[in-house]
Protein backbone atom coordinates (compact mmCIF):
# COMPACT_ATOMS: atom_id res chain seq x y z
CA MET A 1 34.99 121.26 119.83
CA ASP A 2 37.86 123.25 121.18
CA LYS A 3 41.09 121.28 121.01
CA GLU A 4 42.13 122.33 124.45
CA GLN A 5 39.22 120.87 126.05
CA GLU A 6 39.61 117.63 123.90
CA SER A 7 42.98 117.49 125.32
CA ASN A 8 42.21 118.11 128.95
CA PRO A 9 42.05 114.56 130.85
CA LEU A 10 39.00 115.92 132.98
CA HIS A 11 36.97 117.06 129.95
CA ARG A 12 33.36 115.82 130.66
CA MET A 13 34.13 114.51 134.23
CA THR A 14 32.00 116.00 137.11
CA LEU A 15 33.81 116.30 140.51
CA GLU A 16 31.17 113.82 141.60
CA LYS A 17 32.26 110.96 139.31
CA ILE A 18 35.96 111.81 140.44
CA LEU A 19 35.31 111.45 144.06
CA ASN A 20 33.05 108.38 143.44
CA SER A 21 35.74 107.09 141.57
CA LEU A 22 38.69 107.52 144.11
CA VAL A 23 36.16 106.49 147.00
CA GLU A 24 35.39 103.03 145.04
CA ASN A 25 39.21 102.52 144.42
CA TYR A 26 40.74 103.71 147.53
CA GLY A 27 37.96 103.94 150.03
CA TRP A 28 37.78 106.67 152.66
CA GLU A 29 40.14 105.61 155.10
CA GLU A 30 43.09 105.53 152.61
CA LEU A 31 41.54 108.53 150.62
CA GLY A 32 42.15 110.48 153.80
CA ARG A 33 45.53 109.11 154.29
CA ARG A 34 46.32 110.38 150.82
CA ILE A 35 44.58 113.63 151.13
CA ASN A 36 44.29 114.62 154.70
CA ILE A 37 41.49 116.69 154.81
CA ARG A 38 38.45 116.72 157.43
CA CYS A 39 35.71 115.83 155.00
CA PHE A 40 37.50 112.49 154.03
CA THR A 41 38.67 111.80 157.77
CA TYR A 42 35.71 112.33 160.01
CA ASP A 43 32.26 111.16 159.09
CA PRO A 44 32.90 111.24 155.45
CA SER A 45 30.26 111.46 152.62
CA ILE A 46 29.84 112.24 149.22
CA LYS A 47 27.41 114.90 150.03
CA SER A 48 29.25 116.80 152.69
CA SER A 49 32.94 116.34 150.46
CA LEU A 50 31.43 117.56 147.37
CA LYS A 51 30.18 120.61 149.28
CA PHE A 52 33.78 121.56 150.56
CA LEU A 53 35.39 120.44 147.75
CA ARG A 54 33.13 122.87 145.56
CA LYS A 55 34.27 125.82 147.61
CA THR A 56 37.93 124.86 148.48
CA PRO A 57 40.08 125.37 145.27
CA TRP A 58 43.51 123.98 146.78
CA ALA A 59 41.33 120.97 147.91
CA ARG A 60 39.99 120.14 144.79
CA THR A 61 43.25 120.63 143.21
CA LYS A 62 44.36 117.95 145.19
CA VAL A 63 41.65 115.43 144.19
CA GLU A 64 42.25 115.98 140.60
CA LYS A 65 45.89 115.35 140.75
CA LEU A 66 45.26 112.13 142.81
CA PHE A 67 42.58 111.24 140.28
CA LEU A 68 45.02 111.60 137.06
CA SER A 69 48.02 110.24 138.87
CA ARG A 70 45.69 106.93 139.22
CA ARG A 71 44.77 107.12 135.64
CA ASP A 72 48.34 106.64 134.25
């Protein structure tokens, strides 16, 4: 296995797992406060949020950073 991948904290983490973890930890309301994007603040769902995050790199980056900061 590639050493770079082994040291990547997001290795083997799908976006869906990351999002589910954040929703479980913070709830939609707090997640929307921390990352102010419409898919978290207006009628949020895992499915619609994943669709948006997969095609919006800047939003996905914010979600990944929040997930990583929570793990520290």
